[in-house]
N, C-alpha and C. Protein backbone atom coordinates (compact mmCIF):
# COMPACT_ATOMS: atom_id res chain seq x y z
N MET A 1 -32.56 28.65 -15.69
CA MET A 1 -31.49 28.79 -14.71
C MET A 1 -31.36 27.50 -13.93
N MET A 2 -30.17 27.25 -13.43
CA MET A 2 -29.91 26.02 -12.72
C MET A 2 -30.67 25.94 -11.40
N ASN A 3 -30.86 27.07 -10.72
CA ASN A 3 -31.56 27.07 -9.44
C ASN A 3 -33.02 26.66 -9.58
N CYS A 4 -33.57 26.84 -10.78
CA CYS A 4 -34.98 26.54 -10.97
C CYS A 4 -35.22 25.06 -11.26
N LEU A 5 -34.19 24.35 -11.71
CA LEU A 5 -34.35 22.93 -12.01
C LEU A 5 -34.45 22.15 -10.71
N ARG A 6 -35.38 21.26 -10.67
CA ARG A 6 -35.55 20.46 -9.47
C ARG A 6 -35.54 18.98 -9.85
N MET A 7 -35.03 18.20 -8.95
CA MET A 7 -35.05 16.75 -9.14
C MET A 7 -35.99 16.18 -8.09
N ARG A 8 -36.68 15.16 -8.45
CA ARG A 8 -37.62 14.54 -7.52
C ARG A 8 -36.98 13.31 -6.89
N ALA A 9 -37.08 13.24 -5.59
CA ALA A 9 -36.65 12.07 -4.84
C ALA A 9 -37.77 11.73 -3.88
N ILE A 10 -37.87 10.49 -3.54
CA ILE A 10 -38.94 10.03 -2.66
C ILE A 10 -38.32 9.60 -1.32
N ARG A 11 -38.91 10.10 -0.24
CA ARG A 11 -38.48 9.69 1.10
C ARG A 11 -38.99 8.29 1.39
N LYS A 12 -38.47 7.70 2.44
CA LYS A 12 -38.90 6.35 2.83
C LYS A 12 -40.38 6.29 3.15
N ASP A 13 -40.92 7.39 3.66
CA ASP A 13 -42.35 7.39 4.00
C ASP A 13 -43.24 7.73 2.80
N GLY A 14 -42.64 7.90 1.61
CA GLY A 14 -43.41 8.12 0.39
C GLY A 14 -43.61 9.57 0.03
N ARG A 15 -43.26 10.50 0.92
CA ARG A 15 -43.44 11.92 0.60
C ARG A 15 -42.31 12.36 -0.34
N PRO A 16 -42.58 13.28 -1.26
CA PRO A 16 -41.53 13.73 -2.18
C PRO A 16 -40.50 14.62 -1.47
N LEU A 17 -39.28 14.51 -1.92
CA LEU A 17 -38.19 15.31 -1.40
C LEU A 17 -37.63 16.09 -2.57
N SER A 18 -37.55 17.37 -2.43
CA SER A 18 -37.10 18.22 -3.52
C SER A 18 -35.68 18.71 -3.23
N ILE A 19 -34.78 18.43 -4.16
CA ILE A 19 -33.39 18.88 -4.03
C ILE A 19 -33.03 19.64 -5.29
N THR A 20 -32.54 20.85 -5.15
CA THR A 20 -32.14 21.61 -6.33
C THR A 20 -30.83 21.07 -6.85
N VAL A 21 -30.59 21.27 -8.13
CA VAL A 21 -29.36 20.81 -8.75
C VAL A 21 -28.15 21.48 -8.10
N THR A 22 -28.31 22.75 -7.74
CA THR A 22 -27.22 23.48 -7.10
C THR A 22 -26.85 22.83 -5.77
N MET A 23 -27.85 22.44 -5.01
CA MET A 23 -27.58 21.77 -3.73
C MET A 23 -26.86 20.45 -3.95
N LYS A 24 -27.29 19.72 -4.98
CA LYS A 24 -26.69 18.43 -5.27
C LYS A 24 -25.23 18.60 -5.68
N ILE A 25 -24.94 19.57 -6.52
CA ILE A 25 -23.56 19.84 -6.94
C ILE A 25 -22.72 20.26 -5.75
N THR A 26 -23.29 21.10 -4.88
CA THR A 26 -22.57 21.54 -3.69
C THR A 26 -22.24 20.37 -2.77
N ILE A 27 -23.20 19.50 -2.56
CA ILE A 27 -22.98 18.34 -1.69
C ILE A 27 -21.93 17.41 -2.29
N LEU A 28 -22.04 17.15 -3.60
CA LEU A 28 -21.06 16.28 -4.26
C LEU A 28 -19.67 16.91 -4.24
N SER A 29 -19.58 18.21 -4.40
CA SER A 29 -18.28 18.90 -4.34
C SER A 29 -17.67 18.78 -2.95
N LEU A 30 -18.49 18.94 -1.93
CA LEU A 30 -18.02 18.82 -0.56
C LEU A 30 -17.51 17.41 -0.28
N ILE A 31 -18.25 16.41 -0.74
CA ILE A 31 -17.82 15.02 -0.56
C ILE A 31 -16.49 14.79 -1.27
N LEU A 32 -16.34 15.31 -2.48
CA LEU A 32 -15.10 15.15 -3.23
C LEU A 32 -13.92 15.79 -2.50
N VAL A 33 -14.11 16.99 -1.98
CA VAL A 33 -13.06 17.68 -1.24
C VAL A 33 -12.67 16.89 0.01
N LEU A 34 -13.66 16.40 0.74
CA LEU A 34 -13.38 15.61 1.95
C LEU A 34 -12.64 14.34 1.62
N LEU A 35 -13.02 13.65 0.57
CA LEU A 35 -12.32 12.43 0.17
C LEU A 35 -10.89 12.74 -0.27
N ALA A 36 -10.71 13.79 -1.04
CA ALA A 36 -9.37 14.15 -1.50
C ALA A 36 -8.46 14.51 -0.33
N SER A 37 -8.97 15.25 0.64
CA SER A 37 -8.13 15.63 1.78
C SER A 37 -7.85 14.43 2.69
N ALA A 38 -8.78 13.50 2.79
CA ALA A 38 -8.56 12.31 3.62
C ALA A 38 -7.55 11.38 2.99
N CYS A 39 -7.49 11.33 1.68
CA CYS A 39 -6.60 10.41 0.98
C CYS A 39 -5.23 11.01 0.68
N SER A 40 -5.09 12.31 0.79
CA SER A 40 -3.82 12.94 0.44
C SER A 40 -2.79 12.71 1.54
N ARG A 41 -1.54 12.71 1.15
CA ARG A 41 -0.46 12.58 2.11
C ARG A 41 -0.28 13.90 2.83
N LYS A 42 -0.09 13.81 4.10
CA LYS A 42 0.15 15.01 4.88
C LYS A 42 1.62 15.40 4.74
N ALA A 43 1.89 16.68 4.76
CA ALA A 43 3.27 17.15 4.71
C ALA A 43 4.00 16.72 5.97
N SER A 44 5.24 16.33 5.80
CA SER A 44 6.02 15.89 6.95
C SER A 44 6.32 17.08 7.85
N THR A 45 6.01 16.94 9.12
CA THR A 45 6.27 18.01 10.07
C THR A 45 7.31 17.56 11.08
N GLY A 46 8.11 16.59 10.68
CA GLY A 46 9.13 16.05 11.58
C GLY A 46 10.15 17.11 11.94
N ALA A 47 10.60 17.05 13.15
CA ALA A 47 11.59 18.01 13.64
C ALA A 47 12.98 17.59 13.19
N ALA A 48 13.86 18.58 13.04
CA ALA A 48 15.26 18.30 12.73
C ALA A 48 15.88 17.57 13.91
N GLN A 49 16.80 16.67 13.64
CA GLN A 49 17.36 15.81 14.68
C GLN A 49 18.84 16.09 14.89
N PHE A 50 19.23 16.23 16.16
CA PHE A 50 20.63 16.43 16.55
C PHE A 50 21.02 15.24 17.41
N ASN A 51 22.04 14.49 16.97
CA ASN A 51 22.45 13.27 17.67
C ASN A 51 23.63 13.52 18.60
N VAL A 52 23.56 12.90 19.77
CA VAL A 52 24.61 13.02 20.77
C VAL A 52 25.06 11.61 21.16
N THR A 53 26.37 11.40 21.20
CA THR A 53 26.92 10.12 21.65
C THR A 53 27.88 10.37 22.81
N ALA A 54 28.36 9.29 23.41
CA ALA A 54 29.26 9.42 24.56
C ALA A 54 30.55 10.15 24.18
N SER A 55 31.02 9.96 22.97
CA SER A 55 32.27 10.63 22.55
C SER A 55 32.08 12.13 22.34
N ASP A 56 30.85 12.60 22.33
CA ASP A 56 30.56 14.03 22.15
C ASP A 56 30.58 14.81 23.45
N LEU A 57 30.76 14.14 24.58
CA LEU A 57 30.67 14.79 25.88
C LEU A 57 32.03 15.28 26.38
N ALA A 58 32.00 16.42 27.07
CA ALA A 58 33.20 16.97 27.69
C ALA A 58 33.38 16.40 29.09
N SER A 59 32.28 16.01 29.73
CA SER A 59 32.34 15.44 31.07
C SER A 59 31.18 14.46 31.22
N PRO A 60 31.25 13.58 32.23
CA PRO A 60 30.15 12.63 32.42
C PRO A 60 28.83 13.34 32.69
N VAL A 61 27.74 12.67 32.35
CA VAL A 61 26.40 13.19 32.58
C VAL A 61 26.13 13.23 34.08
N GLU A 62 25.64 14.36 34.55
CA GLU A 62 25.26 14.48 35.96
C GLU A 62 23.76 14.26 36.07
N ILE A 63 23.37 13.41 37.04
CA ILE A 63 21.95 13.11 37.25
C ILE A 63 21.53 13.67 38.60
N THR A 64 20.47 14.47 38.58
CA THR A 64 19.91 14.97 39.84
C THR A 64 18.42 14.68 39.86
N THR A 65 17.89 14.48 41.05
CA THR A 65 16.47 14.23 41.22
C THR A 65 15.87 15.38 42.02
N ASN A 66 14.84 15.97 41.47
CA ASN A 66 14.13 17.06 42.14
C ASN A 66 12.75 16.57 42.52
N THR A 67 12.39 16.69 43.80
CA THR A 67 11.03 16.33 44.20
C THR A 67 10.38 17.53 44.87
N ASP A 68 9.11 17.68 44.58
CA ASP A 68 8.34 18.78 45.14
C ASP A 68 6.95 18.24 45.45
N GLY A 69 6.74 17.76 46.66
CA GLY A 69 5.45 17.19 47.02
C GLY A 69 5.22 15.89 46.27
N ASN A 70 4.14 15.83 45.51
CA ASN A 70 3.80 14.63 44.76
C ASN A 70 4.45 14.58 43.38
N THR A 71 5.05 15.69 42.98
CA THR A 71 5.65 15.73 41.65
C THR A 71 7.16 15.77 41.78
N GLY A 72 7.81 15.51 40.71
CA GLY A 72 9.27 15.56 40.71
C GLY A 72 9.79 15.28 39.32
N SER A 73 11.10 15.36 39.20
CA SER A 73 11.72 15.10 37.91
C SER A 73 13.15 14.62 38.10
N VAL A 74 13.62 13.97 37.07
CA VAL A 74 15.02 13.58 37.00
C VAL A 74 15.63 14.48 35.94
N VAL A 75 16.73 15.14 36.30
CA VAL A 75 17.36 16.09 35.39
C VAL A 75 18.74 15.57 35.01
N LEU A 76 19.02 15.53 33.72
CA LEU A 76 20.35 15.18 33.23
C LEU A 76 21.04 16.46 32.80
N HIS A 77 22.20 16.71 33.37
CA HIS A 77 23.01 17.87 32.96
C HIS A 77 24.04 17.35 31.97
N ILE A 78 23.95 17.83 30.73
CA ILE A 78 24.80 17.34 29.65
C ILE A 78 25.72 18.46 29.19
N LYS A 79 27.03 18.17 29.19
CA LYS A 79 28.03 19.15 28.75
C LYS A 79 28.77 18.56 27.55
N LEU A 80 28.64 19.25 26.42
CA LEU A 80 29.24 18.77 25.18
C LEU A 80 30.69 19.20 25.04
N SER A 81 31.45 18.46 24.24
CA SER A 81 32.82 18.84 23.92
C SER A 81 32.78 20.14 23.12
N PRO A 82 33.90 20.89 23.08
CA PRO A 82 33.90 22.15 22.33
C PRO A 82 33.51 21.97 20.85
N THR A 83 33.95 20.89 20.23
CA THR A 83 33.62 20.65 18.82
C THR A 83 32.12 20.41 18.65
N LYS A 84 31.54 19.56 19.51
CA LYS A 84 30.11 19.26 19.41
C LYS A 84 29.28 20.47 19.82
N ALA A 85 29.79 21.28 20.77
CA ALA A 85 29.09 22.50 21.18
C ALA A 85 28.99 23.48 20.00
N HIS A 86 30.06 23.59 19.24
CA HIS A 86 30.07 24.45 18.06
C HIS A 86 29.08 23.92 17.01
N GLU A 87 29.05 22.60 16.85
CA GLU A 87 28.12 21.97 15.92
C GLU A 87 26.67 22.22 16.35
N LEU A 88 26.40 22.15 17.66
CA LEU A 88 25.06 22.42 18.18
C LEU A 88 24.66 23.87 17.92
N ARG A 89 25.59 24.79 18.11
CA ARG A 89 25.29 26.21 17.86
C ARG A 89 24.93 26.43 16.39
N ARG A 90 25.73 25.87 15.50
CA ARG A 90 25.43 26.01 14.06
C ARG A 90 24.09 25.37 13.71
N PHE A 91 23.84 24.21 14.28
CA PHE A 91 22.58 23.49 14.05
C PHE A 91 21.39 24.32 14.50
N THR A 92 21.46 24.89 15.70
CA THR A 92 20.33 25.68 16.21
C THR A 92 20.19 27.02 15.49
N GLU A 93 21.30 27.60 15.01
CA GLU A 93 21.21 28.81 14.20
C GLU A 93 20.46 28.53 12.90
N HIS A 94 20.71 27.36 12.34
CA HIS A 94 20.08 26.96 11.09
C HIS A 94 18.59 26.62 11.28
N HIS A 95 18.18 26.24 12.49
CA HIS A 95 16.81 25.80 12.75
C HIS A 95 16.06 26.74 13.70
N MET A 96 16.31 28.04 13.57
CA MET A 96 15.61 29.02 14.40
C MET A 96 14.11 28.96 14.15
N ASN A 97 13.32 29.09 15.23
CA ASN A 97 11.85 29.06 15.19
C ASN A 97 11.30 27.75 14.61
N GLN A 98 12.06 26.68 14.82
CA GLN A 98 11.63 25.35 14.42
C GLN A 98 11.79 24.41 15.60
N TYR A 99 11.07 23.30 15.57
CA TYR A 99 11.26 22.28 16.59
C TYR A 99 12.47 21.43 16.23
N VAL A 100 13.26 21.12 17.22
CA VAL A 100 14.40 20.22 17.05
C VAL A 100 14.30 19.11 18.10
N VAL A 101 14.86 17.98 17.77
CA VAL A 101 14.87 16.84 18.68
C VAL A 101 16.32 16.47 18.92
N MET A 102 16.69 16.35 20.20
CA MET A 102 18.03 15.87 20.55
C MET A 102 17.91 14.41 20.92
N VAL A 103 18.75 13.59 20.31
CA VAL A 103 18.64 12.15 20.45
C VAL A 103 19.96 11.56 20.91
N ALA A 104 19.87 10.60 21.84
CA ALA A 104 21.03 9.81 22.28
C ALA A 104 20.70 8.37 21.95
N GLY A 105 21.37 7.81 20.96
CA GLY A 105 21.04 6.46 20.52
C GLY A 105 19.65 6.49 19.89
N SER A 106 18.75 5.68 20.44
CA SER A 106 17.38 5.67 19.94
C SER A 106 16.43 6.40 20.89
N ARG A 107 16.98 7.04 21.92
CA ARG A 107 16.16 7.73 22.94
C ARG A 107 16.16 9.23 22.71
N VAL A 108 14.98 9.80 22.82
CA VAL A 108 14.85 11.26 22.70
C VAL A 108 15.24 11.89 24.02
N ILE A 109 16.21 12.80 23.96
CA ILE A 109 16.62 13.54 25.15
C ILE A 109 15.62 14.66 25.39
N MET A 110 15.33 15.41 24.33
CA MET A 110 14.38 16.51 24.44
C MET A 110 13.92 16.94 23.06
N LYS A 111 12.75 17.57 23.06
CA LYS A 111 12.22 18.22 21.87
C LYS A 111 11.94 19.64 22.28
N ALA A 112 12.45 20.58 21.50
CA ALA A 112 12.31 21.98 21.88
C ALA A 112 12.12 22.87 20.66
N LEU A 113 11.45 23.99 20.88
CA LEU A 113 11.31 25.01 19.85
C LEU A 113 12.48 25.98 20.05
N VAL A 114 13.29 26.14 19.02
CA VAL A 114 14.50 26.96 19.12
C VAL A 114 14.15 28.42 18.86
N HIS A 115 14.33 29.25 19.89
CA HIS A 115 14.13 30.70 19.74
C HIS A 115 15.46 31.41 19.55
N ASP A 116 16.49 30.92 20.19
CA ASP A 116 17.84 31.48 20.09
C ASP A 116 18.82 30.34 19.93
N PRO A 117 19.97 30.59 19.30
CA PRO A 117 20.98 29.55 19.18
C PRO A 117 21.44 29.07 20.57
N ILE A 118 21.69 27.78 20.68
CA ILE A 118 22.20 27.23 21.94
C ILE A 118 23.71 27.30 21.90
N SER A 119 24.26 28.15 22.75
CA SER A 119 25.72 28.29 22.80
C SER A 119 26.21 27.79 24.15
N GLY A 120 27.47 27.52 24.23
CA GLY A 120 28.05 27.05 25.49
C GLY A 120 28.12 25.54 25.58
N GLY A 121 27.26 24.85 24.87
CA GLY A 121 27.32 23.40 24.83
C GLY A 121 26.84 22.69 26.08
N GLU A 122 26.12 23.39 26.97
CA GLU A 122 25.58 22.75 28.17
C GLU A 122 24.07 22.93 28.18
N PHE A 123 23.37 21.86 28.56
CA PHE A 123 21.92 21.95 28.69
C PHE A 123 21.43 20.89 29.65
N ASN A 124 20.22 21.10 30.14
CA ASN A 124 19.56 20.15 31.03
C ASN A 124 18.40 19.51 30.31
N ALA A 125 18.23 18.23 30.54
CA ALA A 125 17.08 17.49 30.00
C ALA A 125 16.29 16.95 31.18
N SER A 126 15.01 17.27 31.24
CA SER A 126 14.17 16.83 32.37
C SER A 126 13.28 15.66 31.95
N PHE A 127 13.13 14.72 32.86
CA PHE A 127 12.28 13.55 32.67
C PHE A 127 11.42 13.40 33.91
N GLY A 128 10.26 12.78 33.77
CA GLY A 128 9.42 12.49 34.92
C GLY A 128 10.09 11.45 35.82
N LEU A 129 9.71 11.45 37.11
CA LEU A 129 10.32 10.51 38.06
C LEU A 129 10.14 9.06 37.64
N SER A 130 9.01 8.75 37.04
CA SER A 130 8.75 7.36 36.65
C SER A 130 9.24 7.04 35.24
N ASP A 131 9.84 8.00 34.58
CA ASP A 131 10.32 7.81 33.21
C ASP A 131 11.66 7.06 33.23
N THR A 132 11.70 5.90 32.63
CA THR A 132 12.93 5.09 32.61
C THR A 132 13.92 5.58 31.55
N ASN A 133 13.49 6.51 30.70
CA ASN A 133 14.38 7.02 29.66
C ASN A 133 15.56 7.80 30.23
N ALA A 134 15.39 8.45 31.37
CA ALA A 134 16.48 9.24 31.95
C ALA A 134 17.69 8.35 32.23
N GLN A 135 17.48 7.23 32.89
CA GLN A 135 18.59 6.33 33.20
C GLN A 135 19.14 5.70 31.92
N ALA A 136 18.27 5.37 30.97
CA ALA A 136 18.73 4.77 29.72
C ALA A 136 19.60 5.75 28.93
N VAL A 137 19.20 7.02 28.90
CA VAL A 137 20.00 8.04 28.21
C VAL A 137 21.34 8.22 28.92
N ALA A 138 21.31 8.30 30.25
CA ALA A 138 22.55 8.45 31.03
C ALA A 138 23.48 7.26 30.81
N ASP A 139 22.93 6.06 30.80
CA ASP A 139 23.74 4.86 30.54
C ASP A 139 24.35 4.89 29.15
N PHE A 140 23.55 5.27 28.16
CA PHE A 140 24.06 5.33 26.78
C PHE A 140 25.19 6.35 26.65
N LEU A 141 25.01 7.51 27.29
CA LEU A 141 26.03 8.56 27.20
C LEU A 141 27.24 8.28 28.08
N SER A 142 27.17 7.28 28.93
CA SER A 142 28.32 6.91 29.77
C SER A 142 29.21 5.88 29.10
N GLN A 143 28.74 5.28 28.02
CA GLN A 143 29.53 4.27 27.30
C GLN A 143 30.65 4.96 26.55
N LYS A 144 31.82 4.44 26.69
CA LYS A 144 32.97 4.99 25.93
C LYS A 144 33.51 3.96 24.98
C-alpha cells in the first residue's frame, strides 16, 4: 500500500525525517493548486458604466455643501433630460442586483448596487468635503 512506503530524508542536524509518499503527493498537489490559482487570470468584476455629459442634462447641476461637526459632504444634484432619464431606467433595469458606475468624462460620479430601476432621471452624488472631484464633475457637466 502507498501509505506504508516511506522515503528517507535527513534533517540538517543529521536525524532522519520520515515522510510518507501520500504526504509528499498531498504537499505537491497543494503547491500545484496554489501556483495555478496565483497564475490564473481573475474574472473581470468590473461594473457596468453609464456615461453622462453636459448635453444629457435637463438643468444645470446644483451644488450644495452639508456640514455636520467635523464631517461634511458636497452633494451634486443631477437632473437628466427625459431621453437620458429613459436610457438610465433601461440601463438600471438591465443591471439589477449589479454594481454600476456613473461617469462624467473621466470622473466617477458614483458607484452603486442597483436594487431597483432608477426612474425620474434625478439623483444626488455625494463627495467628501476635501474631494476635488465634485467641482471637476460639476465643471465638466456645465460645459455646453
